[in-house]
PDB file of all heavy atoms in Angstrom:
ATOM      1  N   ASP A   1      -3.909  -8.943  15.643  1.00  0.00           N
ATOM      2  CA  ASP A   1      -3.099  -9.208  14.442  1.00  0.00           C
ATOM      3  C   ASP A   1      -3.910  -9.957  13.391  1.00  0.00           C
ATOM      4  O   ASP A   1      -3.819  -9.659  12.172  1.00  0.00           O
ATOM      5  CB  ASP A   1      -1.854 -10.040  14.796  1.00  0.00           C
ATOM      6  CG  ASP A   1      -0.866  -9.240  15.654  1.00  0.00           C
ATOM      7  OD1 ASP A   1      -0.829  -8.016  15.513  1.00  0.00           O
ATOM      8  OD2 ASP A   1      -0.121  -9.866  16.435  1.00  0.00           O
ATOM      9  N   ALA A   2      -4.719 -10.919  13.834  1.00  0.00           N
ATOM     10  CA  ALA A   2      -5.561 -11.663  12.897  1.00  0.00           C
ATOM     11  C   ALA A   2      -6.600 -10.737  12.252  1.00  0.00           C
ATOM     12  O   ALA A   2      -6.916 -10.873  11.053  1.00  0.00           O
ATOM     13  CB  ALA A   2      -6.272 -12.835  13.626  1.00  0.00           C
ATOM     14  N   ALA A   3      -7.131  -9.810  13.020  1.00  0.00           N
ATOM     15  CA  ALA A   3      -8.108  -8.851  12.482  1.00  0.00           C
ATOM     16  C   ALA A   3      -7.468  -7.980  11.420  1.00  0.00           C
ATOM     17  O   ALA A   3      -8.062  -7.700  10.370  1.00  0.00           O
ATOM     18  CB  ALA A   3      -8.708  -8.000  13.591  1.00  0.00           C
ATOM     19  N   VAL A   4      -6.252  -7.483  11.680  1.00  0.00           N
ATOM     20  CA  VAL A   4      -5.557  -6.650  10.696  1.00  0.00           C
ATOM     21  C   VAL A   4      -5.309  -7.447   9.408  1.00  0.00           C
ATOM     22  O   VAL A   4      -5.512  -6.950   8.293  1.00  0.00           O
ATOM     23  CB  VAL A   4      -4.213  -6.136  11.279  1.00  0.00           C
ATOM     24  CG1 VAL A   4      -3.370  -5.463  10.221  1.00  0.00           C
ATOM     25  CG2 VAL A   4      -4.479  -5.176  12.425  1.00  0.00           C
ATOM     26  N   GLN A   5      -4.892  -8.703   9.565  1.00  0.00           N
ATOM     27  CA  GLN A   5      -4.656  -9.537   8.380  1.00  0.00           C
ATOM     28  C   GLN A   5      -5.936  -9.765   7.599  1.00  0.00           C
ATOM     29  O   GLN A   5      -5.944  -9.686   6.357  1.00  0.00           O
ATOM     30  CB  GLN A   5      -4.080 -10.894   8.858  1.00  0.00           C
ATOM     31  CG  GLN A   5      -3.761 -11.874   7.729  1.00  0.00           C
ATOM     32  CD  GLN A   5      -2.566 -11.462   6.909  1.00  0.00           C
ATOM     33  OE1 GLN A   5      -1.496 -11.197   7.481  1.00  0.00           O
ATOM     34  NE2 GLN A   5      -2.714 -11.385   5.600  1.00  0.00           N
ATOM     35  N   LEU A   6      -7.033 -10.027   8.306  1.00  0.00           N
ATOM     36  CA  LEU A   6      -8.304 -10.261   7.652  1.00  0.00           C
ATOM     37  C   LEU A   6      -8.734  -9.024   6.845  1.00  0.00           C
ATOM     38  O   LEU A   6      -9.145  -9.148   5.697  1.00  0.00           O
ATOM     39  CB  LEU A   6      -9.383 -10.598   8.670  1.00  0.00           C
ATOM     40  CG  LEU A   6     -10.808 -10.631   8.116  1.00  0.00           C
ATOM     41  CD1 LEU A   6     -11.025 -11.865   7.265  1.00  0.00           C
ATOM     42  CD2 LEU A   6     -11.854 -10.536   9.205  1.00  0.00           C
ATOM     43  N   ILE A   7      -8.636  -7.844   7.459  1.00  0.00           N
ATOM     44  CA  ILE A   7      -9.052  -6.637   6.766  1.00  0.00           C
ATOM     45  C   ILE A   7      -8.192  -6.409   5.529  1.00  0.00           C
ATOM     46  O   ILE A   7      -8.720  -6.034   4.456  1.00  0.00           O
ATOM     47  CB  ILE A   7      -8.957  -5.404   7.694  1.00  0.00           C
ATOM     48  CG1 ILE A   7      -9.883  -5.605   8.909  1.00  0.00           C
ATOM     49  CG2 ILE A   7      -9.322  -4.136   6.953  1.00  0.00           C
ATOM     50  CD1 ILE A   7     -11.315  -5.889   8.587  1.00  0.00           C
ATOM     51  N   GLY A   8      -6.916  -6.662   5.621  1.00  0.00           N
ATOM     52  CA  GLY A   8      -6.048  -6.527   4.443  1.00  0.00           C
ATOM     53  C   GLY A   8      -6.431  -7.483   3.337  1.00  0.00           C
ATOM     54  O   GLY A   8      -6.549  -7.085   2.157  1.00  0.00           O
ATOM     55  N   ASP A   9      -6.683  -8.733   3.694  1.00  0.00           N
ATOM     56  CA  ASP A   9      -7.067  -9.743   2.702  1.00  0.00           C
ATOM     57  C   ASP A   9      -8.441  -9.437   2.113  1.00  0.00           C
ATOM     58  O   ASP A   9      -8.652  -9.562   0.897  1.00  0.00           O
ATOM     59  CB  ASP A   9      -7.072 -11.143   3.335  1.00  0.00           C
ATOM     60  CG  ASP A   9      -5.667 -11.609   3.685  1.00  0.00           C
ATOM     61  OD1 ASP A   9      -4.679 -11.047   3.190  1.00  0.00           O
ATOM     62  OD2 ASP A   9      -5.552 -12.571   4.511  1.00  0.00           O
ATOM     63  N   ALA A  10      -9.376  -9.037   2.969  1.00  0.00           N
ATOM     64  CA  ALA A  10     -10.731  -8.725   2.490  1.00  0.00           C
ATOM     65  C   ALA A  10     -10.721  -7.514   1.550  1.00  0.00           C
ATOM     66  O   ALA A  10     -11.418  -7.514   0.539  1.00  0.00           O
ATOM     67  CB  ALA A  10     -11.663  -8.439   3.684  1.00  0.00           C
ATOM     68  N   SER A  11      -9.909  -6.509   1.860  1.00  0.00           N
ATOM     69  CA  SER A  11      -9.840  -5.335   0.978  1.00  0.00           C
ATOM     70  C   SER A  11      -9.250  -5.698  -0.360  1.00  0.00           C
ATOM     71  O   SER A  11      -9.674  -5.176  -1.412  1.00  0.00           O
ATOM     72  CB  SER A  11      -9.028  -4.226   1.645  1.00  0.00           C
ATOM     73  OG  SER A  11      -7.669  -4.614   1.836  1.00  0.00           O
ATOM     74  N   ASP A  12      -8.262  -6.598  -0.369  1.00  0.00           N
ATOM     75  CA  ASP A  12      -7.707  -7.050  -1.640  1.00  0.00           C
ATOM     76  C   ASP A  12      -8.784  -7.762  -2.474  1.00  0.00           C
ATOM     77  O   ASP A  12      -8.831  -7.593  -3.702  1.00  0.00           O
ATOM     78  CB  ASP A  12      -6.539  -7.988  -1.397  1.00  0.00           C
ATOM     79  CG  ASP A  12      -5.308  -7.265  -0.833  1.00  0.00           C
ATOM     80  OD1 ASP A  12      -5.253  -6.027  -0.972  1.00  0.00           O
ATOM     81  OD2 ASP A  12      -4.438  -7.939  -0.255  1.00  0.00           O
ATOM     82  N   TYR A  13      -9.622  -8.535  -1.806  1.00  0.00           N
ATOM     83  CA  TYR A  13     -10.696  -9.268  -2.491  1.00  0.00           C
ATOM     84  C   TYR A  13     -11.728  -8.296  -3.072  1.00  0.00           C
ATOM     85  O   TYR A  13     -12.258  -8.484  -4.168  1.00  0.00           O
ATOM     86  CB  TYR A  13     -11.342 -10.235  -1.525  1.00  0.00           C
ATOM     87  CG  TYR A  13     -12.567 -10.936  -2.064  1.00  0.00           C
ATOM     88  CD1 TYR A  13     -12.456 -12.087  -2.868  1.00  0.00           C
ATOM     89  CD2 TYR A  13     -13.850 -10.473  -1.766  1.00  0.00           C
ATOM     90  CE1 TYR A  13     -13.579 -12.728  -3.363  1.00  0.00           C
ATOM     91  CE2 TYR A  13     -14.973 -11.094  -2.266  1.00  0.00           C
ATOM     92  CZ  TYR A  13     -14.837 -12.233  -3.062  1.00  0.00           C
ATOM     93  OH  TYR A  13     -15.961 -12.848  -3.546  1.00  0.00           O
ATOM     94  N   LEU A  14     -12.027  -7.244  -2.307  1.00  0.00           N
ATOM     95  CA  LEU A  14     -13.108  -6.320  -2.692  1.00  0.00           C
ATOM     96  C   LEU A  14     -12.644  -5.192  -3.598  1.00  0.00           C
ATOM     97  O   LEU A  14     -13.453  -4.594  -4.287  1.00  0.00           O
ATOM     98  CB  LEU A  14     -13.732  -5.707  -1.424  1.00  0.00           C
ATOM     99  CG  LEU A  14     -14.455  -6.668  -0.486  1.00  0.00           C
ATOM    100  CD1 LEU A  14     -14.798  -5.962   0.838  1.00  0.00           C
ATOM    101  CD2 LEU A  14     -15.723  -7.204  -1.120  1.00  0.00           C
ATOM    102  N   ARG A  15     -11.353  -4.887  -3.612  1.00  0.00           N
ATOM    103  CA  ARG A  15     -10.864  -3.714  -4.327  1.00  0.00           C
ATOM    104  C   ARG A  15     -11.276  -3.653  -5.795  1.00  0.00           C
ATOM    105  O   ARG A  15     -11.574  -2.565  -6.310  1.00  0.00           O
ATOM    106  CB  ARG A  15      -9.340  -3.593  -4.167  1.00  0.00           C
ATOM    107  CG  ARG A  15      -8.782  -2.253  -4.678  1.00  0.00           C
ATOM    108  CD  ARG A  15      -7.331  -2.060  -4.287  1.00  0.00           C
ATOM    109  NE  ARG A  15      -7.220  -1.808  -2.860  1.00  0.00           N
ATOM    110  CZ  ARG A  15      -6.680  -2.648  -1.997  1.00  0.00           C
ATOM    111  NH1 ARG A  15      -6.200  -3.818  -2.422  1.00  0.00           N
ATOM    112  NH2 ARG A  15      -6.601  -2.373  -0.711  1.00  0.00           N
ATOM    113  N   PRO A  16     -11.284  -4.767  -6.545  1.00  0.00           N
ATOM    114  CA  PRO A  16     -11.708  -4.693  -7.936  1.00  0.00           C
ATOM    115  C   PRO A  16     -13.125  -4.118  -8.116  1.00  0.00           C
ATOM    116  O   PRO A  16     -13.436  -3.567  -9.175  1.00  0.00           O
ATOM    117  CB  PRO A  16     -11.632  -6.141  -8.434  1.00  0.00           C
ATOM    118  CG  PRO A  16     -10.609  -6.789  -7.543  1.00  0.00           C
ATOM    119  CD  PRO A  16     -10.777  -6.138  -6.231  1.00  0.00           C
ATOM    120  N   GLY A  17     -13.942  -4.210  -7.099  1.00  0.00           N
ATOM    121  CA  GLY A  17     -15.318  -3.683  -7.206  1.00  0.00           C
ATOM    122  C   GLY A  17     -15.418  -2.201  -7.022  1.00  0.00           C
ATOM    123  O   GLY A  17     -16.518  -1.624  -7.139  1.00  0.00           O
ATOM    124  N   LEU A  18     -14.298  -1.518  -6.745  1.00  0.00           N
ATOM    125  CA  LEU A  18     -14.361  -0.053  -6.537  1.00  0.00           C
ATOM    126  C   LEU A  18     -14.683   0.681  -7.833  1.00  0.00           C
ATOM    127  O   LEU A  18     -15.168   1.799  -7.789  1.00  0.00           O
ATOM    128  CB  LEU A  18     -13.016   0.434  -5.962  1.00  0.00           C
ATOM    129  CG  LEU A  18     -12.762   0.137  -4.501  1.00  0.00           C
ATOM    130  CD1 LEU A  18     -11.366   0.571  -4.106  1.00  0.00           C
ATOM    131  CD2 LEU A  18     -13.801   0.839  -3.610  1.00  0.00           C
ATOM    132  N   SER A  19     -14.353   0.090  -8.960  1.00  0.00           N
ATOM    133  CA  SER A  19     -14.670   0.730 -10.252  1.00  0.00           C
ATOM    134  C   SER A  19     -16.180   0.736 -10.447  1.00  0.00           C
ATOM    135  O   SER A  19     -16.811  -0.297 -10.570  1.00  0.00           O
ATOM    136  CB  SER A  19     -13.977  -0.004 -11.388  1.00  0.00           C
ATOM    137  OG  SER A  19     -14.323   0.559 -12.626  1.00  0.00           O
ATOM    138  N   GLY A  20     -16.748   1.919 -10.448  1.00  0.00           N
ATOM    139  CA  GLY A  20     -18.195   2.048 -10.588  1.00  0.00           C
ATOM    140  C   GLY A  20     -18.959   1.541  -9.371  1.00  0.00           C
ATOM    141  O   GLY A  20     -20.088   1.064  -9.534  1.00  0.00           O
ATOM    142  N   ALA A  21     -18.338   1.632  -8.178  1.00  0.00           N
ATOM    143  CA  ALA A  21     -19.000   1.084  -6.995  1.00  0.00           C
ATOM    144  C   ALA A  21     -20.237   1.865  -6.595  1.00  0.00           C
ATOM    145  O   ALA A  21     -20.319   3.088  -6.775  1.00  0.00           O
ATOM    146  CB  ALA A  21     -18.002   1.112  -5.827  1.00  0.00           C
ATOM    147  N   SER A  22     -21.227   1.156  -6.036  1.00  0.00           N
ATOM    148  CA  SER A  22     -22.440   1.763  -5.529  1.00  0.00           C
ATOM    149  C   SER A  22     -22.155   2.424  -4.198  1.00  0.00           C
ATOM    150  O   SER A  22     -21.168   2.104  -3.525  1.00  0.00           O
ATOM    151  CB  SER A  22     -23.525   0.709  -5.372  1.00  0.00           C
ATOM    152  OG  SER A  22     -23.150  -0.211  -4.359  1.00  0.00           O
ATOM    153  N   PRO A  23     -23.034   3.347  -3.751  1.00  0.00           N
ATOM    154  CA  PRO A  23     -22.859   3.914  -2.399  1.00  0.00           C
ATOM    155  C   PRO A  23     -22.846   2.832  -1.315  1.00  0.00           C
ATOM    156  O   PRO A  23     -22.084   2.945  -0.345  1.00  0.00           O
ATOM    157  CB  PRO A  23     -24.077   4.850  -2.260  1.00  0.00           C
ATOM    158  CG  PRO A  23     -24.429   5.221  -3.670  1.00  0.00           C
ATOM    159  CD  PRO A  23     -24.133   3.985  -4.479  1.00  0.00           C
ATOM    160  N   GLU A  24     -23.642   1.812  -1.482  1.00  0.00           N
ATOM    161  CA  GLU A  24     -23.686   0.720  -0.517  1.00  0.00           C
ATOM    162  C   GLU A  24     -22.319   0.068  -0.402  1.00  0.00           C
ATOM    163  O   GLU A  24     -21.796  -0.158   0.704  1.00  0.00           O
ATOM    164  CB  GLU A  24     -24.743  -0.293  -0.931  1.00  0.00           C
ATOM    165  CG  GLU A  24     -24.851  -1.509  -0.047  1.00  0.00           C
ATOM    166  CD  GLU A  24     -25.767  -2.565  -0.641  1.00  0.00           C
ATOM    167  OE1 GLU A  24     -26.239  -2.367  -1.789  1.00  0.00           O
ATOM    168  OE2 GLU A  24     -26.009  -3.558   0.040  1.00  0.00           O
ATOM    169  N   PHE A  25     -21.700  -0.207  -1.556  1.00  0.00           N
ATOM    170  CA  PHE A  25     -20.391  -0.864  -1.561  1.00  0.00           C
ATOM    171  C   PHE A  25     -19.337   0.046  -0.953  1.00  0.00           C
ATOM    172  O   PHE A  25     -18.494  -0.394  -0.135  1.00  0.00           O
ATOM    173  CB  PHE A  25     -19.998  -1.259  -2.998  1.00  0.00           C
ATOM    174  CG  PHE A  25     -18.714  -2.023  -3.101  1.00  0.00           C
ATOM    175  CD1 PHE A  25     -18.708  -3.403  -3.049  1.00  0.00           C
ATOM    176  CD2 PHE A  25     -17.495  -1.356  -3.240  1.00  0.00           C
ATOM    177  CE1 PHE A  25     -17.543  -4.124  -3.152  1.00  0.00           C
ATOM    178  CE2 PHE A  25     -16.313  -2.066  -3.345  1.00  0.00           C
ATOM    179  CZ  PHE A  25     -16.302  -3.456  -3.291  1.00  0.00           C
ATOM    180  N   LEU A  26     -19.338   1.341  -1.326  1.00  0.00           N
ATOM    181  CA  LEU A  26     -18.337   2.280  -0.796  1.00  0.00           C
ATOM    182  C   LEU A  26     -18.472   2.415   0.724  1.00  0.00           C
ATOM    183  O   LEU A  26     -17.464   2.530   1.432  1.00  0.00           O
ATOM    184  CB  LEU A  26     -18.519   3.644  -1.461  1.00  0.00           C
ATOM    185  CG  LEU A  26     -18.015   3.764  -2.898  1.00  0.00           C
ATOM    186  CD1 LEU A  26     -18.415   5.128  -3.466  1.00  0.00           C
ATOM    187  CD2 LEU A  26     -16.490   3.604  -2.943  1.00  0.00           C
ATOM    188  N   SER A  27     -19.701   2.436   1.204  1.00  0.00           N
ATOM    189  CA  SER A  27     -19.926   2.546   2.650  1.00  0.00           C
ATOM    190  C   SER A  27     -19.335   1.356   3.386  1.00  0.00           C
ATOM    191  O   SER A  27     -18.642   1.515   4.399  1.00  0.00           O
ATOM    192  CB  SER A  27     -21.426   2.649   2.928  1.00  0.00           C
ATOM    193  OG  SER A  27     -21.676   2.671   4.312  1.00  0.00           O
ATOM    194  N   ILE A  28     -19.603   0.163   2.873  1.00  0.00           N
ATOM    195  CA  ILE A  28     -19.051  -1.045   3.500  1.00  0.00           C
ATOM    196  C   ILE A  28     -17.540  -1.073   3.397  1.00  0.00           C
ATOM    197  O   ILE A  28     -16.830  -1.393   4.344  1.00  0.00           O
ATOM    198  CB  ILE A  28     -19.656  -2.304   2.815  1.00  0.00           C
ATOM    199  CG1 ILE A  28     -21.159  -2.403   3.118  1.00  0.00           C
ATOM    200  CG2 ILE A  28     -18.923  -3.559   3.285  1.00  0.00           C
ATOM    201  CD1 ILE A  28     -21.500  -2.502   4.585  1.00  0.00           C
ATOM    202  N   TYR A  29     -17.009  -0.690   2.216  1.00  0.00           N
ATOM    203  CA  TYR A  29     -15.569  -0.720   2.003  1.00  0.00           C
ATOM    204  C   TYR A  29     -14.880   0.231   2.995  1.00  0.00           C
ATOM    205  O   TYR A  29     -13.846  -0.107   3.582  1.00  0.00           O
ATOM    206  CB  TYR A  29     -15.259  -0.286   0.567  1.00  0.00           C
ATOM    207  CG  TYR A  29     -13.832  -0.465   0.141  1.00  0.00           C
ATOM    208  CD1 TYR A  29     -13.343  -1.728  -0.189  1.00  0.00           C
ATOM    209  CD2 TYR A  29     -12.973   0.618   0.078  1.00  0.00           C
ATOM    210  CE1 TYR A  29     -12.026  -1.880  -0.587  1.00  0.00           C
ATOM    211  CE2 TYR A  29     -11.651   0.468  -0.330  1.00  0.00           C
ATOM    212  CZ  TYR A  29     -11.182  -0.790  -0.647  1.00  0.00           C
ATOM    213  OH  TYR A  29      -9.874  -0.953  -1.067  1.00  0.00           O
ATOM    214  N   GLY A  30     -15.447   1.431   3.194  1.00  0.00           N
ATOM    215  CA  GLY A  30     -14.835   2.389   4.095  1.00  0.00           C
ATOM    216  C   GLY A  30     -14.879   1.936   5.540  1.00  0.00           C
ATOM    217  O   GLY A  30     -13.887   2.028   6.267  1.00  0.00           O
TER     218      GLY A  30
END
């Protein structure tokens, strides 16, 4: 449950970077 919560929170933190994201960022995000 803590892992699911962390991934949700981390994705919210990272999502603004999806605009014009580099391949490196997209790979990590996925």
